[in-house]
Amino acid sequence: MVKKSARRSRRTHCPAFKARVDPADLREDKTMTQWCQEFEVRAARMFDRKRKLLEGASNVFAGPTQSPPVGLAHCTRRSVN
């Protein structure tokens, strides 16, 4: 007899699902509970994703960042035979 666990397996959400859920939470036309029921996710996950989205939003409007100059000292010359 194989005993099955009562726990539900952990879900992983694809980027397309996250792109649909995150802006929906920002619209605020429904309550957090309604969004959680519609998308079948926990409220803690919605709060976490909303916080990360709002923290990263300022990077969208920031000017282009300049990368530090790359030195060539770490490169080695390989001989091709």
PDB file of N, CA and C in Angstrom:
ATOM      1  N   MET A   1       0.836  -1.175   0.000  1.00  0.00           N
ATOM      2  CA  MET A   1       0.000   0.000   0.000  1.00  0.00           C
ATOM      3  C   MET A   1       0.883   1.241   0.000  1.00  0.00           C
ATOM      4  N   VAL A   2       0.631   2.157  -0.890  1.00  0.00           N
ATOM      5  CA  VAL A   2       1.399   3.387  -1.003  1.00  0.00           C
ATOM      6  C   VAL A   2       0.603   4.498  -0.325  1.00  0.00           C
ATOM      7  N   LYS A   3       1.219   5.131   0.645  1.00  0.00           N
ATOM      8  CA  LYS A   3       0.555   6.210   1.359  1.00  0.00           C
ATOM      9  C   LYS A   3       0.893   7.532   0.671  1.00  0.00           C
ATOM     10  N   LYS A   4      -0.142   8.233   0.272  1.00  0.00           N
ATOM     11  CA  LYS A   4       0.055   9.528  -0.374  1.00  0.00           C
ATOM     12  C   LYS A   4       0.043  10.622   0.680  1.00  0.00           C
ATOM     13  N   SER A   5       0.866  11.602   0.475  1.00  0.00           N
ATOM     14  CA  SER A   5       0.919  12.734   1.381  1.00  0.00           C
ATOM     15  C   SER A   5      -0.292  13.631   1.161  1.00  0.00           C
ATOM     16  N   ALA A   6      -0.796  14.166   2.238  1.00  0.00           N
ATOM     17  CA  ALA A   6      -1.942  15.069   2.141  1.00  0.00           C
ATOM     18  C   ALA A   6      -1.518  16.458   1.673  1.00  0.00           C
ATOM     19  N   ARG A   7      -0.231  16.723   1.737  1.00  0.00           N
ATOM     20  CA  ARG A   7       0.256  18.040   1.326  1.00  0.00           C
ATOM     21  C   ARG A   7       0.218  18.185  -0.180  1.00  0.00           C
ATOM     22  N   ARG A   8      -0.082  19.359  -0.614  1.00  0.00           N
ATOM     23  CA  ARG A   8      -0.089  19.663  -2.033  1.00  0.00           C
ATOM     24  C   ARG A   8       1.341  19.941  -2.476  1.00  0.00           C
ATOM     25  N   SER A   9       1.691  19.501  -3.654  1.00  0.00           N
ATOM     26  CA  SER A   9       3.056  19.730  -4.133  1.00  0.00           C
ATOM     27  C   SER A   9       3.262  21.217  -4.412  1.00  0.00           C
ATOM     28  N   ARG A  10       4.479  21.650  -4.278  1.00  0.00           N
ATOM     29  CA  ARG A  10       4.805  23.060  -4.466  1.00  0.00           C
ATOM     30  C   ARG A  10       4.681  23.437  -5.928  1.00  0.00           C
ATOM     31  N   ARG A  11       4.048  24.566  -6.166  1.00  0.00           N
ATOM     32  CA  ARG A  11       3.872  25.040  -7.537  1.00  0.00           C
ATOM     33  C   ARG A  11       4.992  26.006  -7.902  1.00  0.00           C
ATOM     34  N   THR A  12       5.379  25.965  -9.135  1.00  0.00           N
ATOM     35  CA  THR A  12       6.289  26.969  -9.669  1.00  0.00           C
ATOM     36  C   THR A  12       5.525  27.704 -10.766  1.00  0.00           C
ATOM     37  N   HIS A  13       5.572  29.010 -10.712  1.00  0.00           N
ATOM     38  CA  HIS A  13       4.823  29.817 -11.664  1.00  0.00           C
ATOM     39  C   HIS A  13       5.752  30.317 -12.756  1.00  0.00           C
ATOM     40  N   CYS A  14       5.277  30.237 -13.976  1.00  0.00           N
ATOM     41  CA  CYS A  14       6.079  30.695 -15.115  1.00  0.00           C
ATOM     42  C   CYS A  14       6.067  32.226 -15.154  1.00  0.00           C
ATOM     43  N   PRO A  15       7.024  32.822 -15.837  1.00  0.00           N
ATOM     44  CA  PRO A  15       7.090  34.285 -15.927  1.00  0.00           C
ATOM     45  C   PRO A  15       5.830  34.908 -16.528  1.00  0.00           C
ATOM     46  N   ALA A  16       5.168  34.221 -17.445  1.00  0.00           N
ATOM     47  CA  ALA A  16       3.951  34.760 -18.039  1.00  0.00           C
ATOM     48  C   ALA A  16       2.846  34.895 -16.989  1.00  0.00           C
ATOM     49  N   PHE A  17       2.752  33.928 -16.090  1.00  0.00           N
ATOM     50  CA  PHE A  17       1.754  33.995 -15.019  1.00  0.00           C
ATOM     51  C   PHE A  17       2.075  35.145 -14.077  1.00  0.00           C
ATOM     52  N   LYS A  18       3.346  35.305 -13.728  1.00  0.00           N
ATOM     53  CA  LYS A  18       3.754  36.392 -12.835  1.00  0.00           C
ATOM     54  C   LYS A  18       3.489  37.748 -13.483  1.00  0.00           C
ATOM     55  N   ALA A  19       3.703  37.845 -14.778  1.00  0.00           N
ATOM     56  CA  ALA A  19       3.472  39.100 -15.486  1.00  0.00           C
ATOM     57  C   ALA A  19       1.988  39.445 -15.528  1.00  0.00           C
ATOM     58  N   ARG A  20       1.132  38.455 -15.418  1.00  0.00           N
ATOM     59  CA  ARG A  20      -0.305  38.694 -15.406  1.00  0.00           C
ATOM     60  C   ARG A  20      -0.793  39.028 -13.995  1.00  0.00           C
ATOM     61  N   VAL A  21      -0.214  38.395 -12.980  1.00  0.00           N
ATOM     62  CA  VAL A  21      -0.665  38.573 -11.598  1.00  0.00           C
ATOM     63  C   VAL A  21      -0.161  39.893 -11.009  1.00  0.00           C
ATOM     64  N   ASP A  22       1.094  40.223 -11.203  1.00  0.00           N
ATOM     65  CA  ASP A  22       1.678  41.401 -10.561  1.00  0.00           C
ATOM     66  C   ASP A  22       0.980  42.705 -10.920  1.00  0.00           C
ATOM     67  N   PRO A  23       0.736  43.014 -12.185  1.00  0.00           N
ATOM     68  CA  PRO A  23       0.030  44.262 -12.488  1.00  0.00           C
ATOM     69  C   PRO A  23      -1.417  44.255 -11.988  1.00  0.00           C
ATOM     70  N   ALA A  24      -2.023  43.093 -11.913  1.00  0.00           N
ATOM     71  CA  ALA A  24      -3.400  43.011 -11.427  1.00  0.00           C
ATOM     72  C   ALA A  24      -3.483  43.500  -9.988  1.00  0.00           C
ATOM     73  N   ASP A  25      -2.497  43.162  -9.192  1.00  0.00           N
ATOM     74  CA  ASP A  25      -2.476  43.589  -7.794  1.00  0.00           C
ATOM     75  C   ASP A  25      -2.298  45.099  -7.681  1.00  0.00           C
ATOM     76  N   LEU A  26      -1.571  45.696  -8.596  1.00  0.00           N
ATOM     77  CA  LEU A  26      -1.339  47.137  -8.556  1.00  0.00           C
ATOM     78  C   LEU A  26      -2.576  47.937  -8.955  1.00  0.00           C
ATOM     79  N   ARG A  27      -3.480  47.338  -9.705  1.00  0.00           N
ATOM     80  CA  ARG A  27      -4.681  48.065 -10.149  1.00  0.00           C
ATOM     81  C   ARG A  27      -5.597  48.435  -8.994  1.00  0.00           C
ATOM     82  N   GLU A  28      -5.620  47.624  -7.956  1.00  0.00           N
ATOM     83  CA  GLU A  28      -6.421  47.864  -6.754  1.00  0.00           C
ATOM     84  C   GLU A  28      -7.909  48.030  -7.034  1.00  0.00           C
ATOM     85  N   ASP A  29      -8.427  47.399  -8.084  1.00  0.00           N
ATOM     86  CA  ASP A  29      -9.870  47.421  -8.311  1.00  0.00           C
ATOM     87  C   ASP A  29     -10.569  46.278  -7.581  1.00  0.00           C
ATOM     88  N   LYS A  30      -9.778  45.356  -7.032  1.00  0.00           N
ATOM     89  CA  LYS A  30     -10.291  44.274  -6.199  1.00  0.00           C
ATOM     90  C   LYS A  30      -9.445  44.219  -4.929  1.00  0.00           C
ATOM     91  N   THR A  31      -9.965  43.549  -3.935  1.00  0.00           N
ATOM     92  CA  THR A  31      -9.186  43.400  -2.705  1.00  0.00           C
ATOM     93  C   THR A  31      -8.130  42.322  -2.890  1.00  0.00           C
ATOM     94  N   MET A  32      -7.173  42.303  -1.974  1.00  0.00           N
ATOM     95  CA  MET A  32      -6.113  41.296  -2.035  1.00  0.00           C
ATOM     96  C   MET A  32      -6.706  39.888  -1.952  1.00  0.00           C
ATOM     97  N   THR A  33      -7.726  39.711  -1.127  1.00  0.00           N
ATOM     98  CA  THR A  33      -8.360  38.400  -0.978  1.00  0.00           C
ATOM     99  C   THR A  33      -8.998  37.955  -2.289  1.00  0.00           C
ATOM    100  N   GLN A  34      -9.625  38.879  -2.994  1.00  0.00           N
ATOM    101  CA  GLN A  34     -10.242  38.534  -4.272  1.00  0.00           C
ATOM    102  C   GLN A  34      -9.196  38.142  -5.303  1.00  0.00           C
ATOM    103  N   TRP A  35      -8.073  38.865  -5.337  1.00  0.00           N
ATOM    104  CA  TRP A  35      -7.007  38.508  -6.276  1.00  0.00           C
ATOM    105  C   TRP A  35      -6.430  37.136  -5.953  1.00  0.00           C
ATOM    106  N   CYS A  36      -6.241  36.875  -4.662  1.00  0.00           N
ATOM    107  CA  CYS A  36      -5.682  35.580  -4.249  1.00  0.00           C
ATOM    108  C   CYS A  36      -6.606  34.435  -4.647  1.00  0.00           C
ATOM    109  N   GLN A  37      -7.889  34.623  -4.497  1.00  0.00           N
ATOM    110  CA  GLN A  37      -8.843  33.584  -4.888  1.00  0.00           C
ATOM    111  C   GLN A  37      -8.878  33.414  -6.401  1.00  0.00           C
ATOM    112  N   GLU A  38      -8.797  34.506  -7.124  1.00  0.00           N
ATOM    113  CA  GLU A  38      -8.857  34.419  -8.586  1.00  0.00           C
ATOM    114  C   GLU A  38      -7.638  33.707  -9.160  1.00  0.00           C
ATOM    115  N   PHE A  39      -6.459  34.028  -8.648  1.00  0.00           N
ATOM    116  CA  PHE A  39      -5.229  33.453  -9.188  1.00  0.00           C
ATOM    117  C   PHE A  39      -4.745  32.228  -8.415  1.00  0.00           C
ATOM    118  N   GLU A  40      -5.443  31.884  -7.333  1.00  0.00           N
ATOM    119  CA  GLU A  40      -5.107  30.730  -6.502  1.00  0.00           C
ATOM    120  C   GLU A  40      -3.678  30.798  -5.972  1.00  0.00           C
ATOM    121  N   VAL A  41      -3.349  31.927  -5.375  1.00  0.00           N
ATOM    122  CA  VAL A  41      -2.051  32.105  -4.721  1.00  0.00           C
ATOM    123  C   VAL A  41      -2.280  32.621  -3.306  1.00  0.00           C
ATOM    124  N   ARG A  42      -1.290  32.442  -2.456  1.00  0.00           N
ATOM    125  CA  ARG A  42      -1.391  32.913  -1.076  1.00  0.00           C
ATOM    126  C   ARG A  42      -1.176  34.421  -1.013  1.00  0.00           C
ATOM    127  N   ALA A  43      -1.772  35.042  -0.005  1.00  0.00           N
ATOM    128  CA  ALA A  43      -1.653  36.493   0.163  1.00  0.00           C
ATOM    129  C   ALA A  43      -0.208  36.894   0.428  1.00  0.00           C
ATOM    130  N   ALA A  44       0.523  36.073   1.161  1.00  0.00           N
ATOM    131  CA  ALA A  44       1.931  36.380   1.441  1.00  0.00           C
ATOM    132  C   ALA A  44       2.727  36.469   0.146  1.00  0.00           C
ATOM    133  N   ARG A  45       2.426  35.595  -0.807  1.00  0.00           N
ATOM    134  CA  ARG A  45       3.118  35.616  -2.104  1.00  0.00           C
ATOM    135  C   ARG A  45       2.766  36.893  -2.860  1.00  0.00           C
ATOM    136  N   MET A  46       1.509  37.297  -2.808  1.00  0.00           N
ATOM    137  CA  MET A  46       1.092  38.518  -3.500  1.00  0.00           C
ATOM    138  C   MET A  46       1.768  39.750  -2.892  1.00  0.00           C
ATOM    139  N   PHE A  47       1.818  39.820  -1.564  1.00  0.00           N
ATOM    140  CA  PHE A  47       2.471  40.959  -0.909  1.00  0.00           C
ATOM    141  C   PHE A  47       3.959  41.004  -1.257  1.00  0.00           C
ATOM    142  N   ASP A  48       4.610  39.842  -1.275  1.00  0.00           N
ATOM    143  CA  ASP A  48       6.038  39.780  -1.581  1.00  0.00           C
ATOM    144  C   ASP A  48       6.312  40.219  -3.020  1.00  0.00           C
ATOM    145  N   ARG A  49       5.520  39.719  -3.948  1.00  0.00           N
ATOM    146  CA  ARG A  49       5.709  40.080  -5.353  1.00  0.00           C
ATOM    147  C   ARG A  49       5.429  41.567  -5.582  1.00  0.00           C
ATOM    148  N   LYS A  50       4.407  42.113  -4.902  1.00  0.00           N
ATOM    149  CA  LYS A  50       4.082  43.531  -5.055  1.00  0.00           C
ATOM    150  C   LYS A  50       5.224  44.386  -4.523  1.00  0.00           C
ATOM    151  N   ARG A  51       5.787  44.008  -3.374  1.00  0.00           N
ATOM    152  CA  ARG A  51       6.906  44.759  -2.792  1.00  0.00           C
ATOM    153  C   ARG A  51       8.098  44.750  -3.742  1.00  0.00           C
ATOM    154  N   LYS A  52       8.433  43.584  -4.293  1.00  0.00           N
ATOM    155  CA  LYS A  52       9.567  43.486  -5.216  1.00  0.00           C
ATOM    156  C   LYS A  52       9.318  44.285  -6.490  1.00  0.00           C
ATOM    157  N   LEU A  53       8.091  44.257  -6.968  1.00  0.00           N
ATOM    158  CA  LEU A  53       7.758  44.997  -8.181  1.00  0.00           C
ATOM    159  C   LEU A  53       7.892  46.500  -7.964  1.00  0.00           C
ATOM    160  N   LEU A  54       7.399  46.987  -6.826  1.00  0.00           N
ATOM    161  CA  LEU A  54       7.488  48.419  -6.545  1.00  0.00           C
ATOM    162  C   LEU A  54       8.920  48.866  -6.277  1.00  0.00           C
ATOM    163  N   GLU A  55       9.728  48.003  -5.644  1.00  0.00           N
ATOM    164  CA  GLU A  55      11.135  48.347  -5.412  1.00  0.00           C
ATOM    165  C   GLU A  55      11.909  48.412  -6.720  1.00  0.00           C
ATOM    166  N   GLY A  56      11.596  47.526  -7.649  1.00  0.00           N
ATOM    167  CA  GLY A  56      12.307  47.480  -8.918  1.00  0.00           C
ATOM    168  C   GLY A  56      11.785  48.462  -9.949  1.00  0.00           C
ATOM    169  N   ALA A  57      10.639  49.070  -9.685  1.00  0.00           N
ATOM    170  CA  ALA A  57      10.042  49.990 -10.661  1.00  0.00           C
ATOM    171  C   ALA A  57      10.908  51.221 -10.886  1.00  0.00           C
ATOM    172  N   SER A  58      11.627  51.652  -9.869  1.00  0.00           N
ATOM    173  CA  SER A  58      12.468  52.841 -10.042  1.00  0.00           C
ATOM    174  C   SER A  58      13.605  52.578 -11.024  1.00  0.00           C
ATOM    175  N   ASN A  59      14.022  51.336 -11.172  1.00  0.00           N
ATOM    176  CA  ASN A  59      15.090  51.004 -12.118  1.00  0.00           C
ATOM    177  C   ASN A  59      14.647  51.189 -13.562  1.00  0.00           C
ATOM    178  N   VAL A  60      13.352  51.081 -13.810  1.00  0.00           N
ATOM    179  CA  VAL A  60      12.842  51.246 -15.169  1.00  0.00           C
ATOM    180  C   VAL A  60      13.036  52.680 -15.637  1.00  0.00           C
ATOM    181  N   PHE A  61      12.853  53.635 -14.722  1.00  0.00           N
ATOM    182  CA  PHE A  61      12.920  55.046 -15.087  1.00  0.00           C
ATOM    183  C   PHE A  61      14.291  55.668 -14.843  1.00  0.00           C
ATOM    184  N   ALA A  62      15.212  54.905 -14.294  1.00  0.00           N
ATOM    185  CA  ALA A  62      16.563  55.411 -14.063  1.00  0.00           C
ATOM    186  C   ALA A  62      17.299  55.498 -15.400  1.00  0.00           C
ATOM    187  N   GLY A  63      18.236  56.371 -15.457  1.00  0.00           N
ATOM    188  CA  GLY A  63      19.031  56.510 -16.670  1.00  0.00           C
ATOM    189  C   GLY A  63      19.892  55.281 -16.892  1.00  0.00           C
ATOM    190  N   PRO A  64      20.483  55.184 -18.059  1.00  0.00           N
ATOM    191  CA  PRO A  64      21.325  54.022 -18.336  1.00  0.00           C
ATOM    192  C   PRO A  64      22.533  54.012 -17.399  1.00  0.00           C
ATOM    193  N   THR A  65      22.827  52.849 -16.904  1.00  0.00           N
ATOM    194  CA  THR A  65      23.973  52.718 -16.005  1.00  0.00           C
ATOM    195  C   THR A  65      25.211  52.407 -16.825  1.00  0.00           C
ATOM    196  N   GLN A  66      26.308  52.935 -16.375  1.00  0.00           N
ATOM    197  CA  GLN A  66      27.558  52.660 -17.065  1.00  0.00           C
ATOM    198  C   GLN A  66      28.256  51.526 -16.338  1.00  0.00           C
ATOM    199  N   SER A  67      28.652  50.539 -17.105  1.00  0.00           N
ATOM    200  CA  SER A  67      29.366  49.424 -16.501  1.00  0.00           C
ATOM    201  C   SER A  67      30.817  49.840 -16.281  1.00  0.00           C
ATOM    202  N   PRO A  68      31.457  49.310 -15.264  1.00  0.00           N
ATOM    203  CA  PRO A  68      32.852  49.658 -15.017  1.00  0.00           C
ATOM    204  C   PRO A  68      33.728  49.157 -16.163  1.00  0.00           C
ATOM    205  N   PRO A  69      34.816  49.847 -16.432  1.00  0.00           N
ATOM    206  CA  PRO A  69      35.690  49.417 -17.525  1.00  0.00           C
ATOM    207  C   PRO A  69      36.256  48.030 -17.245  1.00  0.00           C
ATOM    208  N   VAL A  70      36.333  47.264 -18.284  1.00  0.00           N
ATOM    209  CA  VAL A  70      36.819  45.894 -18.161  1.00  0.00           C
ATOM    210  C   VAL A  70      38.308  45.882 -18.481  1.00  0.00           C
ATOM    211  N   GLY A  71      39.089  45.369 -17.547  1.00  0.00           N
ATOM    212  CA  GLY A  71      40.520  45.236 -17.786  1.00  0.00           C
ATOM    213  C   GLY A  71      40.807  43.942 -18.522  1.00  0.00           C
ATOM    214  N   LEU A  72      41.849  43.948 -19.307  1.00  0.00           N
ATOM    215  CA  LEU A  72      42.195  42.755 -20.065  1.00  0.00           C
ATOM    216  C   LEU A  72      43.249  41.915 -19.359  1.00  0.00           C
ATOM    217  N   ALA A  73      43.598  42.263 -18.145  1.00  0.00           N
ATOM    218  CA  ALA A  73      44.643  41.546 -17.439  1.00  0.00           C
ATOM    219  C   ALA A  73      44.213  40.108 -17.116  1.00  0.00           C
ATOM    220  N   HIS A  74      42.920  39.883 -16.953  1.00  0.00           N
ATOM    221  CA  HIS A  74      42.467  38.556 -16.601  1.00  0.00           C
ATOM    222  C   HIS A  74      42.393  37.625 -17.809  1.00  0.00           C
ATOM    223  N   CYS A  75      42.499  38.186 -19.012  1.00  0.00           N
ATOM    224  CA  CYS A  75      42.434  37.363 -20.213  1.00  0.00           C
ATOM    225  C   CYS A  75      43.801  36.750 -20.484  1.00  0.00           C
ATOM    226  N   THR A  76      43.789  35.551 -20.945  1.00  0.00           N
ATOM    227  CA  THR A  76      45.041  34.881 -21.308  1.00  0.00           C
ATOM    228  C   THR A  76      45.013  34.573 -22.795  1.00  0.00           C
ATOM    229  N   ARG A  77      46.156  34.496 -23.345  1.00  0.00           N
ATOM    230  CA  ARG A  77      46.253  34.217 -24.766  1.00  0.00           C
ATOM    231  C   ARG A  77      46.359  32.709 -24.953  1.00  0.00           C
ATOM    232  N   ARG A  78      45.490  32.169 -25.789  1.00  0.00           N
ATOM    233  CA  ARG A  78      45.549  30.749 -26.070  1.00  0.00           C
ATOM    234  C   ARG A  78      46.130  30.554 -27.449  1.00  0.00           C
ATOM    235  N   SER A  79      46.963  29.568 -27.561  1.00  0.00           N
ATOM    236  CA  SER A  79      47.519  29.263 -28.884  1.00  0.00           C
ATOM    237  C   SER A  79      46.614  28.246 -29.557  1.00  0.00           C
ATOM    238  N   VAL A  80      46.345  28.468 -30.808  1.00  0.00           N
ATOM    239  CA  VAL A  80      45.485  27.575 -31.566  1.00  0.00           C
ATOM    240  C   VAL A  80      46.375  26.704 -32.443  1.00  0.00           C
ATOM    241  N   ASN A  81      46.236  25.430 -32.297  1.00  0.00           N
ATOM    242  CA  ASN A  81      47.059  24.504 -33.103  1.00  0.00           C
ATOM    243  C   ASN A  81      46.288  23.979 -34.271  1.00  0.00           C
TER     244      ASN A  81
END
